[in-house]
Amino acid sequence: MDSVFSSLSQFAGEALLILGVLLLALTLALLVLWGRQRKLANAWRDLLDGVQGQNVERLLYDHLRERMQLHNEIERLEKRIVQLEEKVAGAKRHVGLVRYDAFEDVGGSQSFALAIYDDKGNGAVITSLVGRTDCRVYCKPLLNGRSERNLSQEEQRAIEAAASAEPKTILS
């Protein structure tokens, strides 16, 4: 044991210097950690005190309640969108009109064929033939874009016009 003490006494100055440097480094580290801890403690205190006198628990409950209300509103709107999409699919929104002269002695393209149908092609073709002394109106049902009855050229063109992206009137 005496040999250990004699070895240490030989390097006592260097050992004290190293211990002093370590003590200084530990003191600096302690000061840095203490400063960080104070910042965190202040931030935590501010968070717990909350905004306008509320605490964080109250804020979280309010946020959760608002989030649930928004979630319920979104679900309600999604259901409404599905209903509206179903209605729109059945809406008669494809329209095509062809005007023409049905008879040689009547001018002005007063006769017409009007096709109206939904996205599935269900609807009707309405045809009006205007003569000098009378006017006849015919209606032919459409199922899946086709009619069980024979279609005139004008009626077929009205169906094609309704299928096109842009609504238009065709004069012949």
N, C-alpha and C. Protein backbone atom coordinates (compact mmCIF):
# COMPACT_ATOMS: atom_id res chain seq x y z
N MET A 1 0.81 -1.17 0.00
CA MET A 1 0.00 0.00 0.00
C MET A 1 0.87 1.25 0.00
N ASP A 2 2.00 1.12 0.70
CA ASP A 2 2.91 2.25 0.72
C ASP A 2 3.42 2.58 -0.67
N SER A 3 3.56 1.56 -1.48
CA SER A 3 4.05 1.80 -2.83
C SER A 3 3.03 2.60 -3.66
N VAL A 4 1.74 2.38 -3.42
CA VAL A 4 0.69 3.11 -4.14
C VAL A 4 0.72 4.57 -3.71
N PHE A 5 0.83 4.81 -2.41
CA PHE A 5 0.87 6.20 -1.93
C PHE A 5 2.12 6.92 -2.41
N SER A 6 3.22 6.22 -2.47
CA SER A 6 4.44 6.87 -2.94
C SER A 6 4.34 7.19 -4.42
N SER A 7 3.67 6.35 -5.20
CA SER A 7 3.48 6.63 -6.63
C SER A 7 2.56 7.83 -6.81
N LEU A 8 1.50 7.86 -6.02
CA LEU A 8 0.55 8.97 -6.12
C LEU A 8 1.18 10.28 -5.66
N SER A 9 2.02 10.20 -4.63
CA SER A 9 2.63 11.43 -4.14
C SER A 9 3.61 11.98 -5.15
N GLN A 10 4.14 11.12 -5.99
CA GLN A 10 5.05 11.54 -7.03
C GLN A 10 4.32 12.39 -8.08
N PHE A 11 3.03 12.04 -8.37
CA PHE A 11 2.25 12.76 -9.40
C PHE A 11 1.11 13.56 -8.77
N ALA A 12 1.28 14.00 -7.57
CA ALA A 12 0.23 14.72 -6.85
C ALA A 12 -0.14 16.02 -7.54
N GLY A 13 0.80 16.74 -8.05
CA GLY A 13 0.52 18.02 -8.72
C GLY A 13 -0.32 17.82 -9.98
N GLU A 14 0.09 16.82 -10.79
CA GLU A 14 -0.67 16.54 -12.02
C GLU A 14 -2.07 16.02 -11.69
N ALA A 15 -2.17 15.18 -10.66
CA ALA A 15 -3.47 14.62 -10.27
C ALA A 15 -4.40 15.72 -9.79
N LEU A 16 -3.89 16.68 -9.02
CA LEU A 16 -4.72 17.79 -8.56
C LEU A 16 -5.17 18.67 -9.74
N LEU A 17 -4.28 18.85 -10.71
CA LEU A 17 -4.62 19.64 -11.89
C LEU A 17 -5.75 18.95 -12.69
N ILE A 18 -5.63 17.65 -12.87
CA ILE A 18 -6.65 16.89 -13.60
C ILE A 18 -7.97 16.93 -12.85
N LEU A 19 -7.92 16.73 -11.54
CA LEU A 19 -9.14 16.78 -10.73
C LEU A 19 -9.77 18.16 -10.77
N GLY A 20 -8.96 19.22 -10.78
CA GLY A 20 -9.47 20.59 -10.87
C GLY A 20 -10.18 20.82 -12.21
N VAL A 21 -9.56 20.34 -13.31
CA VAL A 21 -10.17 20.49 -14.64
C VAL A 21 -11.48 19.72 -14.70
N LEU A 22 -11.50 18.50 -14.17
CA LEU A 22 -12.74 17.69 -14.14
C LEU A 22 -13.81 18.38 -13.31
N LEU A 23 -13.43 18.96 -12.19
CA LEU A 23 -14.38 19.66 -11.34
C LEU A 23 -14.96 20.87 -12.07
N LEU A 24 -14.12 21.59 -12.79
CA LEU A 24 -14.58 22.74 -13.57
C LEU A 24 -15.53 22.30 -14.68
N ALA A 25 -15.21 21.21 -15.40
CA ALA A 25 -16.07 20.69 -16.47
C ALA A 25 -17.41 20.23 -15.91
N LEU A 26 -17.38 19.54 -14.77
CA LEU A 26 -18.63 19.09 -14.15
C LEU A 26 -19.47 20.27 -13.69
N THR A 27 -18.81 21.32 -13.18
CA THR A 27 -19.55 22.52 -12.75
C THR A 27 -20.22 23.19 -13.94
N LEU A 28 -19.51 23.30 -15.06
CA LEU A 28 -20.10 23.88 -16.28
C LEU A 28 -21.27 23.04 -16.78
N ALA A 29 -21.09 21.72 -16.78
CA ALA A 29 -22.17 20.83 -17.22
C ALA A 29 -23.38 20.97 -16.31
N LEU A 30 -23.12 21.10 -15.00
CA LEU A 30 -24.21 21.28 -14.04
C LEU A 30 -24.95 22.58 -14.30
N LEU A 31 -24.23 23.66 -14.59
CA LEU A 31 -24.86 24.95 -14.87
C LEU A 31 -25.71 24.88 -16.15
N VAL A 32 -25.19 24.22 -17.19
CA VAL A 32 -25.94 24.08 -18.45
C VAL A 32 -27.22 23.28 -18.20
N LEU A 33 -27.11 22.16 -17.49
CA LEU A 33 -28.28 21.32 -17.20
C LEU A 33 -29.28 22.07 -16.33
N TRP A 34 -28.81 22.85 -15.39
CA TRP A 34 -29.70 23.63 -14.53
C TRP A 34 -30.47 24.66 -15.35
N GLY A 35 -29.79 25.32 -16.31
CA GLY A 35 -30.46 26.29 -17.18
C GLY A 35 -31.53 25.62 -18.04
N ARG A 36 -31.22 24.46 -18.60
CA ARG A 36 -32.20 23.73 -19.40
C ARG A 36 -33.41 23.31 -18.55
N GLN A 37 -33.10 22.84 -17.35
CA GLN A 37 -34.19 22.41 -16.46
C GLN A 37 -35.10 23.57 -16.13
N ARG A 38 -34.55 24.77 -15.92
CA ARG A 38 -35.38 25.95 -15.62
C ARG A 38 -36.26 26.30 -16.80
N LYS A 39 -35.69 26.24 -18.02
CA LYS A 39 -36.48 26.53 -19.21
C LYS A 39 -37.64 25.54 -19.34
N LEU A 40 -37.36 24.27 -19.14
CA LEU A 40 -38.41 23.25 -19.22
C LEU A 40 -39.45 23.44 -18.12
N ALA A 41 -38.99 23.75 -16.93
CA ALA A 41 -39.93 23.97 -15.83
C ALA A 41 -40.84 25.16 -16.12
N ASN A 42 -40.27 26.24 -16.66
CA ASN A 42 -41.08 27.41 -17.01
C ASN A 42 -42.08 27.07 -18.12
N ALA A 43 -41.60 26.35 -19.13
CA ALA A 43 -42.50 25.96 -20.24
C ALA A 43 -43.63 25.06 -19.72
N TRP A 44 -43.30 24.13 -18.86
CA TRP A 44 -44.30 23.22 -18.30
C TRP A 44 -45.31 23.99 -17.44
N ARG A 45 -44.82 24.93 -16.66
CA ARG A 45 -45.71 25.73 -15.83
C ARG A 45 -46.65 26.55 -16.70
N ASP A 46 -46.11 27.16 -17.76
CA ASP A 46 -46.96 27.93 -18.67
C ASP A 46 -48.00 27.04 -19.34
N LEU A 47 -47.59 25.83 -19.71
CA LEU A 47 -48.51 24.90 -20.36
C LEU A 47 -49.61 24.47 -19.40
N LEU A 48 -49.25 24.19 -18.18
CA LEU A 48 -50.25 23.76 -17.21
C LEU A 48 -51.16 24.90 -16.80
N ASP A 49 -50.64 26.11 -16.75
CA ASP A 49 -51.49 27.26 -16.45
C ASP A 49 -52.42 27.55 -17.61
N GLY A 50 -51.99 27.24 -18.83
CA GLY A 50 -52.84 27.37 -20.00
C GLY A 50 -52.98 28.78 -20.47
N VAL A 51 -53.85 28.90 -21.46
CA VAL A 51 -54.13 30.19 -22.07
C VAL A 51 -55.38 30.74 -21.42
N GLN A 52 -55.36 31.98 -21.04
CA GLN A 52 -56.50 32.66 -20.46
C GLN A 52 -57.03 31.93 -19.23
N GLY A 53 -56.14 31.45 -18.42
CA GLY A 53 -56.53 30.86 -17.15
C GLY A 53 -56.96 29.40 -17.22
N GLN A 54 -56.94 28.79 -18.38
CA GLN A 54 -57.33 27.39 -18.47
C GLN A 54 -56.11 26.52 -18.30
N ASN A 55 -56.34 25.30 -17.92
CA ASN A 55 -55.20 24.40 -17.82
C ASN A 55 -55.19 23.48 -19.04
N VAL A 56 -54.12 22.74 -19.19
CA VAL A 56 -53.93 21.91 -20.38
C VAL A 56 -55.00 20.82 -20.48
N GLU A 57 -55.45 20.32 -19.35
CA GLU A 57 -56.49 19.28 -19.38
C GLU A 57 -57.78 19.83 -19.97
N ARG A 58 -58.17 21.02 -19.54
CA ARG A 58 -59.38 21.67 -20.06
C ARG A 58 -59.25 21.92 -21.57
N LEU A 59 -58.06 22.40 -21.98
CA LEU A 59 -57.82 22.65 -23.41
C LEU A 59 -57.92 21.36 -24.22
N LEU A 60 -57.38 20.28 -23.68
CA LEU A 60 -57.45 19.01 -24.39
C LEU A 60 -58.89 18.50 -24.49
N TYR A 61 -59.67 18.63 -23.42
CA TYR A 61 -61.07 18.22 -23.48
C TYR A 61 -61.85 19.06 -24.49
N ASP A 62 -61.61 20.36 -24.49
CA ASP A 62 -62.29 21.23 -25.46
C ASP A 62 -61.90 20.86 -26.88
N HIS A 63 -60.62 20.62 -27.09
CA HIS A 63 -60.15 20.23 -28.43
C HIS A 63 -60.78 18.91 -28.85
N LEU A 64 -60.83 17.95 -27.95
CA LEU A 64 -61.43 16.65 -28.26
C LEU A 64 -62.91 16.79 -28.59
N ARG A 65 -63.62 17.62 -27.84
CA ARG A 65 -65.04 17.84 -28.10
C ARG A 65 -65.25 18.47 -29.48
N GLU A 66 -64.44 19.48 -29.80
CA GLU A 66 -64.55 20.13 -31.11
C GLU A 66 -64.21 19.16 -32.23
N ARG A 67 -63.22 18.33 -32.00
CA ARG A 67 -62.82 17.34 -33.01
C ARG A 67 -63.94 16.33 -33.24
N MET A 68 -64.59 15.89 -32.21
CA MET A 68 -65.70 14.95 -32.35
C MET A 68 -66.87 15.60 -33.08
N GLN A 69 -67.14 16.88 -32.79
CA GLN A 69 -68.21 17.59 -33.50
C GLN A 69 -67.88 17.68 -34.99
N LEU A 70 -66.64 18.00 -35.30
CA LEU A 70 -66.23 18.08 -36.70
C LEU A 70 -66.30 16.71 -37.37
N HIS A 71 -65.91 15.67 -36.66
CA HIS A 71 -65.97 14.32 -37.19
C HIS A 71 -67.43 13.94 -37.51
N ASN A 72 -68.33 14.25 -36.60
CA ASN A 72 -69.75 13.96 -36.83
C ASN A 72 -70.29 14.76 -38.01
N GLU A 73 -69.88 16.00 -38.13
CA GLU A 73 -70.32 16.84 -39.25
C GLU A 73 -69.79 16.29 -40.57
N ILE A 74 -68.55 15.83 -40.59
CA ILE A 74 -67.98 15.25 -41.80
C ILE A 74 -68.74 13.98 -42.19
N GLU A 75 -69.06 13.14 -41.21
CA GLU A 75 -69.83 11.92 -41.50
C GLU A 75 -71.20 12.28 -42.08
N ARG A 76 -71.84 13.29 -41.50
CA ARG A 76 -73.16 13.72 -42.00
C ARG A 76 -73.05 14.22 -43.44
N LEU A 77 -72.01 14.99 -43.71
CA LEU A 77 -71.82 15.52 -45.06
C LEU A 77 -71.48 14.41 -46.06
N GLU A 78 -70.71 13.42 -45.62
CA GLU A 78 -70.39 12.30 -46.51
C GLU A 78 -71.66 11.53 -46.88
N LYS A 79 -72.55 11.32 -45.92
CA LYS A 79 -73.82 10.64 -46.21
C LYS A 79 -74.65 11.47 -47.18
N ARG A 80 -74.66 12.78 -46.97
CA ARG A 80 -75.42 13.68 -47.85
C ARG A 80 -74.85 13.66 -49.27
N ILE A 81 -73.53 13.61 -49.39
CA ILE A 81 -72.90 13.55 -50.71
C ILE A 81 -73.30 12.28 -51.43
N VAL A 82 -73.31 11.16 -50.71
CA VAL A 82 -73.72 9.89 -51.33
C VAL A 82 -75.16 9.98 -51.82
N GLN A 83 -76.04 10.57 -51.01
CA GLN A 83 -77.44 10.73 -51.43
C GLN A 83 -77.53 11.60 -52.67
N LEU A 84 -76.80 12.70 -52.68
CA LEU A 84 -76.85 13.60 -53.83
C LEU A 84 -76.28 12.94 -55.09
N GLU A 85 -75.23 12.16 -54.94
CA GLU A 85 -74.66 11.47 -56.10
C GLU A 85 -75.66 10.46 -56.66
N GLU A 86 -76.41 9.79 -55.79
CA GLU A 86 -77.43 8.86 -56.26
C GLU A 86 -78.53 9.60 -57.01
N LYS A 87 -78.91 10.76 -56.48
CA LYS A 87 -79.95 11.55 -57.15
C LYS A 87 -79.47 12.07 -58.50
N VAL A 88 -78.24 12.53 -58.55
CA VAL A 88 -77.71 13.07 -59.80
C VAL A 88 -77.62 11.98 -60.86
N ALA A 89 -77.27 10.77 -60.45
CA ALA A 89 -77.17 9.67 -61.43
C ALA A 89 -78.53 9.41 -62.08
N GLY A 90 -79.60 9.62 -61.35
CA GLY A 90 -80.94 9.40 -61.89
C GLY A 90 -81.56 10.63 -62.52
N ALA A 91 -80.86 11.76 -62.48
CA ALA A 91 -81.40 13.00 -63.03
C ALA A 91 -81.34 12.97 -64.56
N LYS A 92 -82.38 13.48 -65.17
CA LYS A 92 -82.43 13.56 -66.63
C LYS A 92 -81.64 14.79 -67.04
N ARG A 93 -80.34 14.62 -67.24
CA ARG A 93 -79.50 15.77 -67.49
C ARG A 93 -78.81 15.76 -68.85
N HIS A 94 -79.01 14.71 -69.61
CA HIS A 94 -78.47 14.67 -70.96
C HIS A 94 -79.59 15.06 -71.92
N VAL A 95 -79.36 16.16 -72.63
CA VAL A 95 -80.41 16.71 -73.48
C VAL A 95 -79.82 16.97 -74.87
N GLY A 96 -80.55 16.51 -75.88
CA GLY A 96 -80.15 16.79 -77.26
C GLY A 96 -81.37 17.22 -78.06
N LEU A 97 -81.21 18.24 -78.87
CA LEU A 97 -82.32 18.79 -79.64
C LEU A 97 -81.91 18.87 -81.10
N VAL A 98 -82.78 18.33 -81.99
CA VAL A 98 -82.57 18.43 -83.43
C VAL A 98 -83.81 19.08 -84.01
N ARG A 99 -83.61 20.20 -84.69
CA ARG A 99 -84.72 20.90 -85.36
C ARG A 99 -84.63 20.64 -86.85
N TYR A 100 -85.80 20.49 -87.49
CA TYR A 100 -85.80 20.17 -88.92
C TYR A 100 -87.16 20.52 -89.54
N ASP A 101 -87.21 20.47 -90.86
CA ASP A 101 -88.47 20.65 -91.60
C ASP A 101 -89.03 19.27 -91.90
N ALA A 102 -90.12 18.91 -91.25
CA ALA A 102 -90.72 17.59 -91.45
C ALA A 102 -91.44 17.48 -92.79
N PHE A 103 -91.98 18.59 -93.26
CA PHE A 103 -92.73 18.59 -94.51
C PHE A 103 -92.16 19.66 -95.43
N GLU A 104 -92.24 19.40 -96.72
CA GLU A 104 -91.68 20.32 -97.71
C GLU A 104 -92.40 21.66 -97.72
N ASP A 105 -93.71 21.64 -97.45
CA ASP A 105 -94.47 22.88 -97.55
C ASP A 105 -94.42 23.73 -96.28
N VAL A 106 -93.70 23.27 -95.24
CA VAL A 106 -93.59 24.02 -93.99
C VAL A 106 -92.11 24.28 -93.74
N GLY A 107 -91.73 25.54 -93.64
CA GLY A 107 -90.33 25.91 -93.42
C GLY A 107 -90.10 26.41 -92.01
N GLY A 108 -88.90 26.87 -91.73
CA GLY A 108 -88.57 27.45 -90.44
C GLY A 108 -88.09 26.46 -89.40
N SER A 109 -87.85 25.23 -89.77
CA SER A 109 -87.37 24.19 -88.84
C SER A 109 -88.20 24.16 -87.56
N GLN A 110 -89.53 24.09 -87.75
CA GLN A 110 -90.43 24.10 -86.59
C GLN A 110 -90.61 22.71 -85.98
N SER A 111 -90.33 21.67 -86.72
CA SER A 111 -90.40 20.31 -86.16
C SER A 111 -89.12 20.04 -85.38
N PHE A 112 -89.21 19.16 -84.39
CA PHE A 112 -88.01 18.87 -83.60
C PHE A 112 -88.07 17.47 -83.01
N ALA A 113 -86.89 16.98 -82.64
CA ALA A 113 -86.74 15.75 -81.86
C ALA A 113 -85.91 16.12 -80.64
N LEU A 114 -86.43 15.82 -79.46
CA LEU A 114 -85.78 16.18 -78.21
C LEU A 114 -85.52 14.90 -77.42
N ALA A 115 -84.24 14.61 -77.15
CA ALA A 115 -83.86 13.44 -76.35
C ALA A 115 -83.46 13.91 -74.96
N ILE A 116 -84.03 13.29 -73.95
CA ILE A 116 -83.72 13.60 -72.54
C ILE A 116 -83.53 12.27 -71.82
N TYR A 117 -82.35 12.10 -71.18
CA TYR A 117 -82.14 10.87 -70.42
C TYR A 117 -81.08 11.07 -69.33
N ASP A 118 -80.98 10.05 -68.45
CA ASP A 118 -80.04 10.10 -67.33
C ASP A 118 -78.72 9.44 -67.71
N ASP A 119 -77.84 9.26 -66.73
CA ASP A 119 -76.53 8.67 -66.98
C ASP A 119 -76.61 7.23 -67.46
N LYS A 120 -77.69 6.53 -67.14
CA LYS A 120 -77.85 5.13 -67.55
C LYS A 120 -78.52 5.02 -68.92
N GLY A 121 -78.93 6.15 -69.48
CA GLY A 121 -79.59 6.13 -70.78
C GLY A 121 -81.09 5.93 -70.69
N ASN A 122 -81.66 6.11 -69.52
CA ASN A 122 -83.11 5.95 -69.34
C ASN A 122 -83.77 7.32 -69.44
N GLY A 123 -84.77 7.42 -70.30
CA GLY A 123 -85.45 8.69 -70.50
C GLY A 123 -86.46 8.57 -71.63
N ALA A 124 -86.49 9.58 -72.50
CA ALA A 124 -87.46 9.59 -73.58
C ALA A 124 -86.97 10.45 -74.73
N VAL A 125 -87.55 10.19 -75.90
CA VAL A 125 -87.36 11.04 -77.07
C VAL A 125 -88.73 11.60 -77.41
N ILE A 126 -88.83 12.91 -77.44
CA ILE A 126 -90.09 13.59 -77.77
C ILE A 126 -89.93 14.20 -79.15
N THR A 127 -90.87 13.88 -80.03
CA THR A 127 -90.80 14.38 -81.39
C THR A 127 -92.06 15.17 -81.69
N SER A 128 -91.88 16.31 -82.32
CA SER A 128 -93.01 17.14 -82.74
C SER A 128 -92.90 17.35 -84.24
N LEU A 129 -93.95 16.98 -84.94
CA LEU A 129 -94.02 17.17 -86.39
C LEU A 129 -95.02 18.28 -86.65
N VAL A 130 -94.54 19.38 -87.20
CA VAL A 130 -95.39 20.54 -87.43
C VAL A 130 -95.69 20.62 -88.92
N GLY A 131 -97.01 20.59 -89.25
CA GLY A 131 -97.47 20.75 -90.62
C GLY A 131 -98.23 22.05 -90.74
N ARG A 132 -98.80 22.30 -91.93
CA ARG A 132 -99.55 23.53 -92.14
C ARG A 132 -100.84 23.56 -91.33
N THR A 133 -101.49 22.42 -91.17
CA THR A 133 -102.80 22.41 -90.51
C THR A 133 -102.80 21.70 -89.17
N ASP A 134 -101.73 21.00 -88.87
CA ASP A 134 -101.74 20.28 -87.60
C ASP A 134 -100.33 20.12 -87.05
N CYS A 135 -100.30 19.66 -85.82
CA CYS A 135 -99.03 19.40 -85.13
C CYS A 135 -99.19 18.09 -84.39
N ARG A 136 -98.27 17.18 -84.59
CA ARG A 136 -98.31 15.88 -83.92
C ARG A 136 -97.11 15.76 -82.98
N VAL A 137 -97.37 15.21 -81.81
CA VAL A 137 -96.31 15.02 -80.83
C VAL A 137 -96.25 13.54 -80.47
N TYR A 138 -95.04 12.99 -80.52
CA TYR A 138 -94.81 11.58 -80.19
C TYR A 138 -93.76 11.49 -79.08
N CYS A 139 -93.89 10.46 -78.27
CA CYS A 139 -92.91 10.23 -77.20
C CYS A 139 -92.53 8.76 -77.23
N LYS A 140 -91.24 8.50 -77.27
CA LYS A 140 -90.73 7.13 -77.29
C LYS A 140 -89.80 6.95 -76.09
N PRO A 141 -90.05 5.91 -75.30
CA PRO A 141 -89.21 5.70 -74.12
C PRO A 141 -87.82 5.20 -74.50
N LEU A 142 -86.86 5.55 -73.66
CA LEU A 142 -85.49 5.06 -73.83
C LEU A 142 -85.09 4.24 -72.60
N LEU A 143 -84.54 3.08 -72.83
CA LEU A 143 -83.96 2.25 -71.77
C LEU A 143 -82.54 1.91 -72.19
N ASN A 144 -81.59 2.27 -71.36
CA ASN A 144 -80.18 2.04 -71.65
C ASN A 144 -79.76 2.64 -72.98
N GLY A 145 -80.33 3.78 -73.32
CA GLY A 145 -79.96 4.49 -74.54
C GLY A 145 -80.61 3.96 -75.80
N ARG A 146 -81.51 3.01 -75.67
CA ARG A 146 -82.17 2.41 -76.84
C ARG A 146 -83.69 2.46 -76.65
N SER A 147 -84.38 2.44 -77.79
CA SER A 147 -85.84 2.43 -77.75
C SER A 147 -86.36 1.15 -78.38
N GLU A 148 -87.46 0.63 -77.85
CA GLU A 148 -88.09 -0.56 -78.44
C GLU A 148 -88.77 -0.20 -79.76
N ARG A 149 -89.07 1.06 -79.94
CA ARG A 149 -89.73 1.52 -81.15
C ARG A 149 -88.67 2.00 -82.14
N ASN A 150 -89.03 2.00 -83.41
CA ASN A 150 -88.12 2.49 -84.44
C ASN A 150 -87.92 3.99 -84.26
N LEU A 151 -86.67 4.41 -84.43
CA LEU A 151 -86.33 5.82 -84.28
C LEU A 151 -86.05 6.42 -85.66
N SER A 152 -86.50 7.64 -85.85
CA SER A 152 -86.18 8.35 -87.08
C SER A 152 -84.73 8.81 -87.03
N GLN A 153 -84.22 9.29 -88.17
CA GLN A 153 -82.85 9.81 -88.21
C GLN A 153 -82.70 10.99 -87.26
N GLU A 154 -83.68 11.85 -87.22
CA GLU A 154 -83.62 13.03 -86.35
C GLU A 154 -83.64 12.62 -84.88
N GLU A 155 -84.43 11.64 -84.55
CA GLU A 155 -84.48 11.16 -83.15
C GLU A 155 -83.14 10.54 -82.76
N GLN A 156 -82.56 9.77 -83.67
CA GLN A 156 -81.26 9.16 -83.39
C GLN A 156 -80.18 10.23 -83.23
N ARG A 157 -80.23 11.28 -84.06
CA ARG A 157 -79.26 12.37 -83.94
C ARG A 157 -79.46 13.14 -82.63
N ALA A 158 -80.71 13.26 -82.18
CA ALA A 158 -80.97 13.93 -80.90
C ALA A 158 -80.35 13.12 -79.75
N ILE A 159 -80.46 11.81 -79.81
CA ILE A 159 -79.85 10.95 -78.78
C ILE A 159 -78.33 11.10 -78.81
N GLU A 160 -77.75 11.14 -79.99
CA GLU A 160 -76.30 11.31 -80.11
C GLU A 160 -75.87 12.68 -79.60
N ALA A 161 -76.68 13.71 -79.90
CA ALA A 161 -76.35 15.05 -79.41
C ALA A 161 -76.40 15.11 -77.89
N ALA A 162 -77.35 14.40 -77.29
CA ALA A 162 -77.45 14.37 -75.83
C ALA A 162 -76.25 13.64 -75.21
N ALA A 163 -75.72 12.67 -75.93
CA ALA A 163 -74.57 11.91 -75.41
C ALA A 163 -73.28 12.70 -75.48
N SER A 164 -73.22 13.69 -76.37
CA SER A 164 -71.99 14.47 -76.50
C SER A 164 -71.79 15.33 -75.26
N ALA A 165 -70.55 15.72 -75.05
CA ALA A 165 -70.22 16.49 -73.84
C ALA A 165 -70.83 17.87 -73.85
N GLU A 166 -70.97 18.47 -75.00
CA GLU A 166 -71.50 19.84 -75.08
C GLU A 166 -72.93 19.81 -75.60
N PRO A 167 -73.85 20.43 -74.88
CA PRO A 167 -75.21 20.50 -75.39
C PRO A 167 -75.24 21.36 -76.65
N LYS A 168 -75.99 20.90 -77.64
CA LYS A 168 -76.07 21.67 -78.86
C LYS A 168 -77.40 21.40 -79.57
N THR A 169 -77.76 22.32 -80.39
CA THR A 169 -78.95 22.17 -81.22
C THR A 169 -78.50 21.94 -82.64
N ILE A 170 -79.03 20.91 -83.27
CA ILE A 170 -78.66 20.60 -84.63
C ILE A 170 -79.79 21.00 -85.54
N LEU A 171 -79.49 21.81 -86.52
CA LEU A 171 -80.48 22.22 -87.51
C LEU A 171 -80.23 21.42 -88.78
N SER A 172 -81.31 20.87 -89.38
CA SER A 172 -81.12 20.19 -90.65
C SER A 172 -81.93 20.82 -91.73
